[in-house]
PDB file of N, CA and C in Angstrom:
ATOM      1  N   MET A   1       0.854  -1.175   0.000  1.00  0.00           N
ATOM      2  CA  MET A   1       0.000   0.000   0.000  1.00  0.00           C
ATOM      3  C   MET A   1       0.895   1.232   0.000  1.00  0.00           C
ATOM      4  N   SER A   2       0.604   2.170  -0.873  1.00  0.00           N
ATOM      5  CA  SER A   2       1.465   3.344  -0.999  1.00  0.00           C
ATOM      6  C   SER A   2       1.234   4.309   0.159  1.00  0.00           C
ATOM      7  N   ASN A   3       2.146   5.208   0.300  1.00  0.00           N
ATOM      8  CA  ASN A   3       2.096   6.193   1.372  1.00  0.00           C
ATOM      9  C   ASN A   3       0.835   7.047   1.259  1.00  0.00           C
ATOM     10  N   ILE A   4       0.500   7.424   0.043  1.00  0.00           N
ATOM     11  CA  ILE A   4      -0.690   8.253  -0.175  1.00  0.00           C
ATOM     12  C   ILE A   4      -1.935   7.477   0.207  1.00  0.00           C
ATOM     13  N   GLU A   5      -1.989   6.209  -0.156  1.00  0.00           N
ATOM     14  CA  GLU A   5      -3.152   5.392   0.176  1.00  0.00           C
ATOM     15  C   GLU A   5      -3.283   5.231   1.687  1.00  0.00           C
ATOM     16  N   LYS A   6      -2.141   5.061   2.383  1.00  0.00           N
ATOM     17  CA  LYS A   6      -2.171   4.951   3.841  1.00  0.00           C
ATOM     18  C   LYS A   6      -2.698   6.239   4.462  1.00  0.00           C
ATOM     19  N   LYS A   7      -2.199   7.369   3.972  1.00  0.00           N
ATOM     20  CA  LYS A   7      -2.661   8.648   4.500  1.00  0.00           C
ATOM     21  C   LYS A   7      -4.146   8.836   4.247  1.00  0.00           C
ATOM     22  N   GLU A   8      -4.577   8.456   3.050  1.00  0.00           N
ATOM     23  CA  GLU A   8      -5.998   8.588   2.716  1.00  0.00           C
ATOM     24  C   GLU A   8      -6.837   7.701   3.618  1.00  0.00           C
ATOM     25  N   GLN A   9      -6.378   6.485   3.857  1.00  0.00           N
ATOM     26  CA  GLN A   9      -7.108   5.570   4.718  1.00  0.00           C
ATOM     27  C   GLN A   9      -7.183   6.125   6.140  1.00  0.00           C
ATOM     28  N   ASN A  10      -6.076   6.657   6.636  1.00  0.00           N
ATOM     29  CA  ASN A  10      -6.064   7.247   7.978  1.00  0.00           C
ATOM     30  C   ASN A  10      -7.004   8.448   8.055  1.00  0.00           C
ATOM     31  N   LEU A  11      -6.983   9.278   7.026  1.00  0.00           N
ATOM     32  CA  LEU A  11      -7.881  10.430   7.013  1.00  0.00           C
ATOM     33  C   LEU A  11      -9.340   9.980   7.000  1.00  0.00           C
ATOM     34  N   ASN A  12      -9.635   8.982   6.188  1.00  0.00           N
ATOM     35  CA  ASN A  12     -11.008   8.467   6.130  1.00  0.00           C
ATOM     36  C   ASN A  12     -11.449   7.920   7.481  1.00  0.00           C
ATOM     37  N   GLN A  13     -10.561   7.184   8.143  1.00  0.00           N
ATOM     38  CA  GLN A  13     -10.901   6.642   9.461  1.00  0.00           C
ATOM     39  C   GLN A  13     -11.145   7.760  10.467  1.00  0.00           C
ATOM     40  N   LEU A  14     -10.312   8.758  10.425  1.00  0.00           N
ATOM     41  CA  LEU A  14     -10.468   9.878  11.347  1.00  0.00           C
ATOM     42  C   LEU A  14     -11.753  10.643  11.073  1.00  0.00           C
ATOM     43  N   ILE A  15     -12.055  10.847   9.804  1.00  0.00           N
ATOM     44  CA  ILE A  15     -13.303  11.533   9.442  1.00  0.00           C
ATOM     45  C   ILE A  15     -14.502  10.712   9.895  1.00  0.00           C
ATOM     46  N   ASP A  16     -14.427   9.401   9.721  1.00  0.00           N
ATOM     47  CA  ASP A  16     -15.516   8.536  10.176  1.00  0.00           C
ATOM     48  C   ASP A  16     -15.696   8.626  11.685  1.00  0.00           C
ATOM     49  N   LYS A  17     -14.573   8.632  12.408  1.00  0.00           N
ATOM     50  CA  LYS A  17     -14.653   8.755  13.867  1.00  0.00           C
ATOM     51  C   LYS A  17     -15.276  10.090  14.265  1.00  0.00           C
ATOM     52  N   LEU A  18     -14.863  11.148  13.582  1.00  0.00           N
ATOM     53  CA  LEU A  18     -15.414  12.468  13.893  1.00  0.00           C
ATOM     54  C   LEU A  18     -16.903  12.525  13.567  1.00  0.00           C
ATOM     55  N   ASN A  19     -17.292  11.884  12.473  1.00  0.00           N
ATOM     56  CA  ASN A  19     -18.707  11.862  12.110  1.00  0.00           C
ATOM     57  C   ASN A  19     -19.537  11.062  13.099  1.00  0.00           C
ATOM     58  N   SER A  20     -18.920  10.040  13.680  1.00  0.00           N
ATOM     59  CA  SER A  20     -19.669   9.179  14.592  1.00  0.00           C
ATOM     60  C   SER A  20     -19.802   9.763  15.992  1.00  0.00           C
ATOM     61  N   LEU A  21     -19.079  10.821  16.274  1.00  0.00           N
ATOM     62  CA  LEU A  21     -19.204  11.450  17.589  1.00  0.00           C
ATOM     63  C   LEU A  21     -20.629  11.978  17.777  1.00  0.00           C
ATOM     64  N   SER A  22     -21.164  11.682  18.862  1.00  0.00           N
ATOM     65  CA  SER A  22     -22.531  12.119  19.132  1.00  0.00           C
ATOM     66  C   SER A  22     -22.521  13.525  19.704  1.00  0.00           C
ATOM     67  N   LEU A  23     -23.477  14.299  19.279  1.00  0.00           N
ATOM     68  CA  LEU A  23     -23.592  15.659  19.794  1.00  0.00           C
ATOM     69  C   LEU A  23     -24.251  15.676  21.175  1.00  0.00           C
ATOM     70  N   SER A  24     -24.650  14.512  21.635  1.00  0.00           N
ATOM     71  CA  SER A  24     -25.319  14.447  22.936  1.00  0.00           C
ATOM     72  C   SER A  24     -24.341  14.503  24.099  1.00  0.00           C
ATOM     73  N   TYR A  25     -23.057  14.384  23.811  1.00  0.00           N
ATOM     74  CA  TYR A  25     -22.079  14.508  24.885  1.00  0.00           C
ATOM     75  C   TYR A  25     -22.116  15.925  25.438  1.00  0.00           C
ATOM     76  N   SER A  26     -21.800  16.010  26.670  1.00  0.00           N
ATOM     77  CA  SER A  26     -21.807  17.327  27.296  1.00  0.00           C
ATOM     78  C   SER A  26     -20.442  17.973  27.112  1.00  0.00           C
ATOM     79  N   GLN A  27     -20.149  18.302  25.888  1.00  0.00           N
ATOM     80  CA  GLN A  27     -18.883  18.945  25.577  1.00  0.00           C
ATOM     81  C   GLN A  27     -19.125  20.445  25.404  1.00  0.00           C
ATOM     82  N   PRO A  28     -18.177  21.203  25.811  1.00  0.00           N
ATOM     83  CA  PRO A  28     -18.322  22.651  25.604  1.00  0.00           C
ATOM     84  C   PRO A  28     -18.342  22.964  24.104  1.00  0.00           C
ATOM     85  N   ASN A  29     -18.991  24.061  23.787  1.00  0.00           N
ATOM     86  CA  ASN A  29     -19.128  24.452  22.382  1.00  0.00           C
ATOM     87  C   ASN A  29     -17.777  24.650  21.697  1.00  0.00           C
ATOM     88  N   HIS A  30     -16.803  25.188  22.411  1.00  0.00           N
ATOM     89  CA  HIS A  30     -15.510  25.421  21.778  1.00  0.00           C
ATOM     90  C   HIS A  30     -14.836  24.103  21.398  1.00  0.00           C
ATOM     91  N   GLU A  31     -15.038  23.054  22.209  1.00  0.00           N
ATOM     92  CA  GLU A  31     -14.500  21.732  21.864  1.00  0.00           C
ATOM     93  C   GLU A  31     -15.198  21.183  20.627  1.00  0.00           C
ATOM     94  N   LEU A  32     -16.492  21.362  20.575  1.00  0.00           N
ATOM     95  CA  LEU A  32     -17.274  20.894  19.438  1.00  0.00           C
ATOM     96  C   LEU A  32     -16.858  21.639  18.173  1.00  0.00           C
ATOM     97  N   GLU A  33     -16.676  22.930  18.275  1.00  0.00           N
ATOM     98  CA  GLU A  33     -16.234  23.720  17.128  1.00  0.00           C
ATOM     99  C   GLU A  33     -14.827  23.327  16.699  1.00  0.00           C
ATOM    100  N   LYS A  34     -13.995  23.029  17.668  1.00  0.00           N
ATOM    101  CA  LYS A  34     -12.630  22.604  17.360  1.00  0.00           C
ATOM    102  C   LYS A  34     -12.651  21.293  16.576  1.00  0.00           C
ATOM    103  N   ILE A  35     -13.505  20.374  16.999  1.00  0.00           N
ATOM    104  CA  ILE A  35     -13.624  19.089  16.311  1.00  0.00           C
ATOM    105  C   ILE A  35     -14.171  19.294  14.898  1.00  0.00           C
ATOM    106  N   LYS A  36     -15.171  20.143  14.752  1.00  0.00           N
ATOM    107  CA  LYS A  36     -15.732  20.412  13.428  1.00  0.00           C
ATOM    108  C   LYS A  36     -14.690  21.052  12.515  1.00  0.00           C
ATOM    109  N   THR A  37     -13.925  21.974  13.058  1.00  0.00           N
ATOM    110  CA  THR A  37     -12.887  22.637  12.281  1.00  0.00           C
ATOM    111  C   THR A  37     -11.832  21.628  11.830  1.00  0.00           C
ATOM    112  N   GLU A  38     -11.432  20.766  12.753  1.00  0.00           N
ATOM    113  CA  GLU A  38     -10.432  19.753  12.410  1.00  0.00           C
ATOM    114  C   GLU A  38     -10.982  18.796  11.351  1.00  0.00           C
ATOM    115  N   LYS A  39     -12.240  18.448  11.491  1.00  0.00           N
ATOM    116  CA  LYS A  39     -12.888  17.566  10.514  1.00  0.00           C
ATOM    117  C   LYS A  39     -12.873  18.221   9.128  1.00  0.00           C
ATOM    118  N   ASN A  40     -13.230  19.488   9.073  1.00  0.00           N
ATOM    119  CA  ASN A  40     -13.243  20.201   7.793  1.00  0.00           C
ATOM    120  C   ASN A  40     -11.841  20.308   7.201  1.00  0.00           C
ATOM    121  N   GLU A  41     -10.863  20.575   8.042  1.00  0.00           N
ATOM    122  CA  GLU A  41      -9.479  20.659   7.581  1.00  0.00           C
ATOM    123  C   GLU A  41      -9.012  19.321   7.021  1.00  0.00           C
ATOM    124  N   LEU A  42      -9.373  18.240   7.702  1.00  0.00           N
ATOM    125  CA  LEU A  42      -8.990  16.918   7.225  1.00  0.00           C
ATOM    126  C   LEU A  42      -9.673  16.585   5.903  1.00  0.00           C
ATOM    127  N   ALA A  43     -10.931  16.978   5.777  1.00  0.00           N
ATOM    128  CA  ALA A  43     -11.650  16.726   4.526  1.00  0.00           C
ATOM    129  C   ALA A  43     -10.994  17.503   3.375  1.00  0.00           C
ATOM    130  N   ILE A  44     -10.597  18.744   3.639  1.00  0.00           N
ATOM    131  CA  ILE A  44      -9.927  19.563   2.623  1.00  0.00           C
ATOM    132  C   ILE A  44      -8.582  18.935   2.261  1.00  0.00           C
ATOM    133  N   LYS A  45      -7.837  18.500   3.281  1.00  0.00           N
ATOM    134  CA  LYS A  45      -6.542  17.879   3.045  1.00  0.00           C
ATOM    135  C   LYS A  45      -6.710  16.603   2.214  1.00  0.00           C
ATOM    136  N   LYS A  46      -7.747  15.844   2.515  1.00  0.00           N
ATOM    137  CA  LYS A  46      -8.017  14.620   1.761  1.00  0.00           C
ATOM    138  C   LYS A  46      -8.267  14.951   0.290  1.00  0.00           C
ATOM    139  N   LYS A  47      -9.073  15.971   0.026  1.00  0.00           N
ATOM    140  CA  LYS A  47      -9.354  16.363  -1.359  1.00  0.00           C
ATOM    141  C   LYS A  47      -8.076  16.792  -2.077  1.00  0.00           C
ATOM    142  N   GLU A  48      -7.231  17.531  -1.375  1.00  0.00           N
ATOM    143  CA  GLU A  48      -5.963  17.965  -1.965  1.00  0.00           C
ATOM    144  C   GLU A  48      -5.075  16.773  -2.296  1.00  0.00           C
ATOM    145  N   ILE A  49      -5.016  15.812  -1.387  1.00  0.00           N
ATOM    146  CA  ILE A  49      -4.197  14.615  -1.608  1.00  0.00           C
ATOM    147  C   ILE A  49      -4.753  13.815  -2.779  1.00  0.00           C
ATOM    148  N   GLU A  50      -6.071  13.679  -2.849  1.00  0.00           N
ATOM    149  CA  GLU A  50      -6.686  12.957  -3.961  1.00  0.00           C
ATOM    150  C   GLU A  50      -6.392  13.654  -5.295  1.00  0.00           C
ATOM    151  N   LYS A  51      -6.478  14.987  -5.291  1.00  0.00           N
ATOM    152  CA  LYS A  51      -6.178  15.742  -6.505  1.00  0.00           C
ATOM    153  C   LYS A  51      -4.720  15.545  -6.912  1.00  0.00           C
ATOM    154  N   HIS A  52      -3.835  15.632  -5.943  1.00  0.00           N
ATOM    155  CA  HIS A  52      -2.406  15.446  -6.213  1.00  0.00           C
ATOM    156  C   HIS A  52      -2.143  14.028  -6.723  1.00  0.00           C
ATOM    157  N   ASN A  53      -2.818  13.057  -6.122  1.00  0.00           N
ATOM    158  CA  ASN A  53      -2.670  11.664  -6.551  1.00  0.00           C
ATOM    159  C   ASN A  53      -3.110  11.507  -8.007  1.00  0.00           C
ATOM    160  N   GLN A  54      -4.202  12.129  -8.384  1.00  0.00           N
ATOM    161  CA  GLN A  54      -4.678  12.054  -9.768  1.00  0.00           C
ATOM    162  C   GLN A  54      -3.665  12.704 -10.721  1.00  0.00           C
ATOM    163  N   GLU A  55      -3.102  13.821 -10.301  1.00  0.00           N
ATOM    164  CA  GLU A  55      -2.085  14.476 -11.126  1.00  0.00           C
ATOM    165  C   GLU A  55      -0.866  13.568 -11.304  1.00  0.00           C
ATOM    166  N   LEU A  56      -0.456  12.904 -10.226  1.00  0.00           N
ATOM    167  CA  LEU A  56       0.680  11.996 -10.305  1.00  0.00           C
ATOM    168  C   LEU A  56       0.370  10.814 -11.225  1.00  0.00           C
ATOM    169  N   LYS A  57      -0.850  10.320 -11.167  1.00  0.00           N
ATOM    170  CA  LYS A  57      -1.237   9.214 -12.047  1.00  0.00           C
ATOM    171  C   LYS A  57      -1.198   9.645 -13.507  1.00  0.00           C
ATOM    172  N   ARG A  58      -1.707  10.853 -13.791  1.00  0.00           N
ATOM    173  CA  ARG A  58      -1.665  11.361 -15.165  1.00  0.00           C
ATOM    174  C   ARG A  58      -0.218  11.517 -15.636  1.00  0.00           C
ATOM    175  N   GLU A  59       0.624  12.076 -14.778  1.00  0.00           N
ATOM    176  CA  GLU A  59       2.028  12.277 -15.134  1.00  0.00           C
ATOM    177  C   GLU A  59       2.719  10.931 -15.347  1.00  0.00           C
ATOM    178  N   HIS A  60       2.411   9.970 -14.493  1.00  0.00           N
ATOM    179  CA  HIS A  60       2.994   8.640 -14.634  1.00  0.00           C
ATOM    180  C   HIS A  60       2.592   8.022 -15.971  1.00  0.00           C
ATOM    181  N   LYS A  61       1.330   8.140 -16.324  1.00  0.00           N
ATOM    182  CA  LYS A  61       0.855   7.595 -17.594  1.00  0.00           C
ATOM    183  C   LYS A  61       1.571   8.269 -18.765  1.00  0.00           C
ATOM    184  N   TYR A  62       1.684   9.594 -18.702  1.00  0.00           N
ATOM    185  CA  TYR A  62       2.361  10.345 -19.769  1.00  0.00           C
ATOM    186  C   TYR A  62       3.812   9.898 -19.900  1.00  0.00           C
ATOM    187  N   LEU A  63       4.514   9.805 -18.768  1.00  0.00           N
ATOM    188  CA  LEU A  63       5.923   9.428 -18.797  1.00  0.00           C
ATOM    189  C   LEU A  63       6.104   7.988 -19.265  1.00  0.00           C
ATOM    190  N   LYS A  64       5.194   7.122 -18.870  1.00  0.00           N
ATOM    191  CA  LYS A  64       5.269   5.737 -19.300  1.00  0.00           C
ATOM    192  C   LYS A  64       5.108   5.642 -20.823  1.00  0.00           C
ATOM    193  N   GLU A  65       4.142   6.383 -21.366  1.00  0.00           N
ATOM    194  CA  GLU A  65       3.942   6.402 -22.811  1.00  0.00           C
ATOM    195  C   GLU A  65       5.162   6.986 -23.525  1.00  0.00           C
ATOM    196  N   LYS A  66       5.742   8.017 -22.933  1.00  0.00           N
ATOM    197  CA  LYS A  66       6.925   8.641 -23.527  1.00  0.00           C
ATOM    198  C   LYS A  66       8.098   7.666 -23.534  1.00  0.00           C
ATOM    199  N   ILE A  67       8.270   6.916 -22.457  1.00  0.00           N
ATOM    200  CA  ILE A  67       9.349   5.927 -22.387  1.00  0.00           C
ATOM    201  C   ILE A  67       9.156   4.865 -23.457  1.00  0.00           C
ATOM    202  N   ILE A  68       7.928   4.398 -23.625  1.00  0.00           N
ATOM    203  CA  ILE A  68       7.647   3.392 -24.653  1.00  0.00           C
ATOM    204  C   ILE A  68       7.985   3.938 -26.030  1.00  0.00           C
ATOM    205  N   LYS A  69       7.595   5.185 -26.274  1.00  0.00           N
ATOM    206  CA  LYS A  69       7.879   5.814 -27.561  1.00  0.00           C
ATOM    207  C   LYS A  69       9.390   5.928 -27.786  1.00  0.00           C
ATOM    208  N   LEU A  70      10.118   6.336 -26.763  1.00  0.00           N
ATOM    209  CA  LEU A  70      11.577   6.463 -26.877  1.00  0.00           C
ATOM    210  C   LEU A  70      12.236   5.108 -27.088  1.00  0.00           C
ATOM    211  N   GLN A  71      11.717   4.079 -26.428  1.00  0.00           N
ATOM    212  CA  GLN A  71      12.258   2.735 -26.624  1.00  0.00           C
ATOM    213  C   GLN A  71      12.049   2.277 -28.065  1.00  0.00           C
ATOM    214  N   GLN A  72      10.884   2.600 -28.609  1.00  0.00           N
ATOM    215  CA  GLN A  72      10.620   2.249 -29.998  1.00  0.00           C
ATOM    216  C   GLN A  72      11.576   2.988 -30.938  1.00  0.00           C
ATOM    217  N   GLU A  73      11.815   4.249 -30.655  1.00  0.00           N
ATOM    218  CA  GLU A  73      12.755   5.024 -31.478  1.00  0.00           C
ATOM    219  C   GLU A  73      14.157   4.431 -31.401  1.00  0.00           C
ATOM    220  N   VAL A  74      14.584   4.076 -30.204  1.00  0.00           N
ATOM    221  CA  VAL A  74      15.911   3.484 -30.030  1.00  0.00           C
ATOM    222  C   VAL A  74      15.995   2.169 -30.795  1.00  0.00           C
ATOM    223  N   ASN A  75      14.958   1.347 -30.678  1.00  0.00           N
ATOM    224  CA  ASN A  75      14.953   0.075 -31.408  1.00  0.00           C
ATOM    225  C   ASN A  75      15.014   0.299 -32.913  1.00  0.00           C
ATOM    226  N   ASN A  76      14.268   1.269 -33.393  1.00  0.00           N
ATOM    227  CA  ASN A  76      14.291   1.584 -34.820  1.00  0.00           C
ATOM    228  C   ASN A  76      15.681   2.046 -35.266  1.00  0.00           C
ATOM    229  N   LYS A  77      16.314   2.876 -34.451  1.00  0.00           N
ATOM    230  CA  LYS A  77      17.652   3.350 -34.789  1.00  0.00           C
ATOM    231  C   LYS A  77      18.666   2.214 -34.758  1.00  0.00           C
ATOM    232  N   LEU A  78      18.511   1.320 -33.785  1.00  0.00           N
ATOM    233  CA  LEU A  78      19.418   0.175 -33.721  1.00  0.00           C
ATOM    234  C   LEU A  78      19.238  -0.728 -34.935  1.00  0.00           C
ATOM    235  N   GLU A  79      18.003  -0.924 -35.340  1.00  0.00           N
ATOM    236  CA  GLU A  79      17.739  -1.731 -36.534  1.00  0.00           C
ATOM    237  C   GLU A  79      18.341  -1.065 -37.775  1.00  0.00           C
ATOM    238  N   SER A  80      18.172   0.247 -37.862  1.00  0.00           N
ATOM    239  CA  SER A  80      18.752   0.981 -38.999  1.00  0.00           C
ATOM    240  C   SER A  80      20.266   0.892 -38.996  1.00  0.00           C
ATOM    241  N   GLU A  81      20.838   1.014 -37.828  1.00  0.00           N
ATOM    242  CA  GLU A  81      22.297   0.929 -37.706  1.00  0.00           C
ATOM    243  C   GLU A  81      22.785  -0.462 -38.108  1.00  0.00           C
ATOM    244  N   GLU A  82      22.084  -1.482 -37.676  1.00  0.00           N
ATOM    245  CA  GLU A  82      22.460  -2.849 -38.032  1.00  0.00           C
ATOM    246  C   GLU A  82      22.339  -3.066 -39.537  1.00  0.00           C
ATOM    247  N   LYS A  83      21.296  -2.566 -40.124  1.00  0.00           N
ATOM    248  CA  LYS A  83      21.106  -2.668 -41.579  1.00  0.00           C
ATOM    249  C   LYS A  83      22.241  -1.940 -42.297  1.00  0.00           C
ATOM    250  N   PHE A  84      22.581  -0.762 -41.796  1.00  0.00           N
ATOM    251  CA  PHE A  84      23.667   0.021 -42.382  1.00  0.00           C
ATOM    252  C   PHE A  84      24.986  -0.752 -42.318  1.00  0.00           C
ATOM    253  N   LYS A  85      25.259  -1.379 -41.163  1.00  0.00           N
ATOM    254  CA  LYS A  85      26.483  -2.176 -41.009  1.00  0.00           C
ATOM    255  C   LYS A  85      26.493  -3.340 -41.998  1.00  0.00           C
ATOM    256  N   GLN A  86      25.350  -3.970 -42.168  1.00  0.00           N
ATOM    257  CA  GLN A  86      25.271  -5.078 -43.125  1.00  0.00           C
ATOM    258  C   GLN A  86      25.524  -4.593 -44.548  1.00  0.00           C
ATOM    259  N   ASP A  87      24.936  -3.462 -44.876  1.00  0.00           N
ATOM    260  CA  ASP A  87      25.144  -2.891 -46.208  1.00  0.00           C
ATOM    261  C   ASP A  87      26.616  -2.567 -46.438  1.00  0.00           C
ATOM    262  N   ILE A  88      27.273  -2.007 -45.453  1.00  0.00           N
ATOM    263  CA  ILE A  88      28.695  -1.680 -45.562  1.00  0.00           C
ATOM    264  C   ILE A  88      29.508  -2.956 -45.738  1.00  0.00           C
ATOM    265  N   GLU A  89      29.165  -3.962 -44.957  1.00  0.00           N
ATOM    266  CA  GLU A  89      29.880  -5.246 -45.077  1.00  0.00           C
ATOM    267  C   GLU A  89      29.709  -5.837 -46.479  1.00  0.00           C
ATOM    268  N   GLU A  90      28.485  -5.793 -46.988  1.00  0.00           N
ATOM    269  CA  GLU A  90      28.239  -6.299 -48.338  1.00  0.00           C
ATOM    270  C   GLU A  90      29.022  -5.501 -49.380  1.00  0.00           C
ATOM    271  N   LEU A  91      29.026  -4.195 -49.246  1.00  0.00           N
ATOM    272  CA  LEU A  91      29.780  -3.351 -50.175  1.00  0.00           C
ATOM    273  C   LEU A  91      31.278  -3.626 -50.079  1.00  0.00           C
ATOM    274  N   SER A  92      31.731  -3.847 -48.877  1.00  0.00           N
ATOM    275  CA  SER A  92      33.144  -4.145 -48.673  1.00  0.00           C
ATOM    276  C   SER A  92      33.506  -5.456 -49.374  1.00  0.00           C
ATOM    277  N   GLN A  93      32.668  -6.451 -49.212  1.00  0.00           N
ATOM    278  CA  GLN A  93      32.919  -7.731 -49.876  1.00  0.00           C
ATOM    279  C   GLN A  93      32.872  -7.585 -51.399  1.00  0.00           C
ATOM    280  N   GLU A  94      31.899  -6.848 -51.890  1.00  0.00           N
ATOM    281  CA  GLU A  94      31.809  -6.616 -53.336  1.00  0.00           C
ATOM    282  C   GLU A  94      33.040  -5.872 -53.850  1.00  0.00           C
ATOM    283  N   THR A  95      33.503  -4.918 -53.070  1.00  0.00           N
ATOM    284  CA  THR A  95      34.692  -4.155 -53.457  1.00  0.00           C
ATOM    285  C   THR A  95      35.906  -5.073 -53.523  1.00  0.00           C
ATOM    286  N   GLU A  96      36.039  -5.932 -52.549  1.00  0.00           N
ATOM    287  CA  GLU A  96      37.155  -6.877 -52.552  1.00  0.00           C
ATOM    288  C   GLU A  96      37.094  -7.781 -53.785  1.00  0.00           C
ATOM    289  N   ILE A  97      35.902  -8.225 -54.106  1.00  0.00           N
ATOM    290  CA  ILE A  97      35.732  -9.080 -55.290  1.00  0.00           C
ATOM    291  C   ILE A  97      36.103  -8.299 -56.540  1.00  0.00           C
ATOM    292  N   LEU A  98      35.652  -7.062 -56.642  1.00  0.00           N
ATOM    293  CA  LEU A  98      35.970  -6.237 -57.817  1.00  0.00           C
ATOM    294  C   LEU A  98      37.468  -5.974 -57.930  1.00  0.00           C
ATOM    295  N   VAL A  99      38.093  -5.685 -56.809  1.00  0.00           N
ATOM    296  CA  VAL A  99      39.531  -5.444 -56.816  1.00  0.00           C
ATOM    297  C   VAL A  99      40.245  -6.710 -57.255  1.00  0.00           C
ATOM    298  N   SER A 100      39.798  -7.813 -56.776  1.00  0.00           N
ATOM    299  CA  SER A 100      40.386  -9.100 -57.169  1.00  0.00           C
ATOM    300  C   SER A 100      40.220  -9.330 -58.661  1.00  0.00           C
ATOM    301  N   GLU A 101      39.055  -9.038 -59.182  1.00  0.00           N
ATOM    302  CA  GLU A 101      38.803  -9.194 -60.620  1.00  0.00           C
ATOM    303  C   GLU A 101      39.682  -8.249 -61.442  1.00  0.00           C
ATOM    304  N   ILE A 102      39.815  -7.047 -60.969  1.00  0.00           N
ATOM    305  CA  ILE A 102      40.656  -6.062 -61.682  1.00  0.00           C
ATOM    306  C   ILE A 102      42.094  -6.551 -61.684  1.00  0.00           C
ATOM    307  N   ASP A 103      42.560  -7.066 -60.559  1.00  0.00           N
ATOM    308  CA  ASP A 103      43.917  -7.600 -60.488  1.00  0.00           C
ATOM    309  C   ASP A 103      44.099  -8.741 -61.477  1.00  0.00           C
ATOM    310  N   LYS A 104      43.122  -9.592 -61.614  1.00  0.00           N
ATOM    311  CA  LYS A 104      43.203 -10.722 -62.563  1.00  0.00           C
ATOM    312  C   LYS A 104      43.311 -10.202 -63.994  1.00  0.00           C
ATOM    313  N   TRP A 105      42.562  -9.187 -64.302  1.00  0.00           N
ATOM    314  CA  TRP A 105      42.570  -8.652 -65.673  1.00  0.00           C
ATOM    315  C   TRP A 105      43.873  -7.908 -65.991  1.00  0.00           C
ATOM    316  N   GLN A 106      44.443  -7.352 -64.980  1.00  0.00           N
ATOM    317  CA  GLN A 106      45.682  -6.607 -65.201  1.00  0.00           C
ATOM    318  C   GLN A 106      46.887  -7.547 -65.351  1.00  0.00           C
ATOM    319  N   MET A 107      46.784  -8.756 -64.944  1.00  0.00           N
ATOM    320  CA  MET A 107      47.922  -9.677 -65.033  1.00  0.00           C
ATOM    321  C   MET A 107      48.013 -10.280 -66.353  1.00  0.00           C
TER     322      MET A 107
END
């Protein structure tokens, strides 16, 4: 479980606990307001974390696609390079054969 998921789970549990508190307790109003304020702050923090998590997921998807694209480009370049090397080797062999033939004709 990721750190963000753990934090989200903890926030959800805390919000649930705050929601389950009964107003029938004989708590002073300032304590009740403090709890409500903390609950609201936690809810806001949760929304911010969820938003940030979504942004990270989008960025991860983008970067993953970019990596795949770059890997394909590298593979294409490697294939082209290998083809080029083969072509050079073939030309080199043909050149050797031609030089050999020219030498035969000159003798």
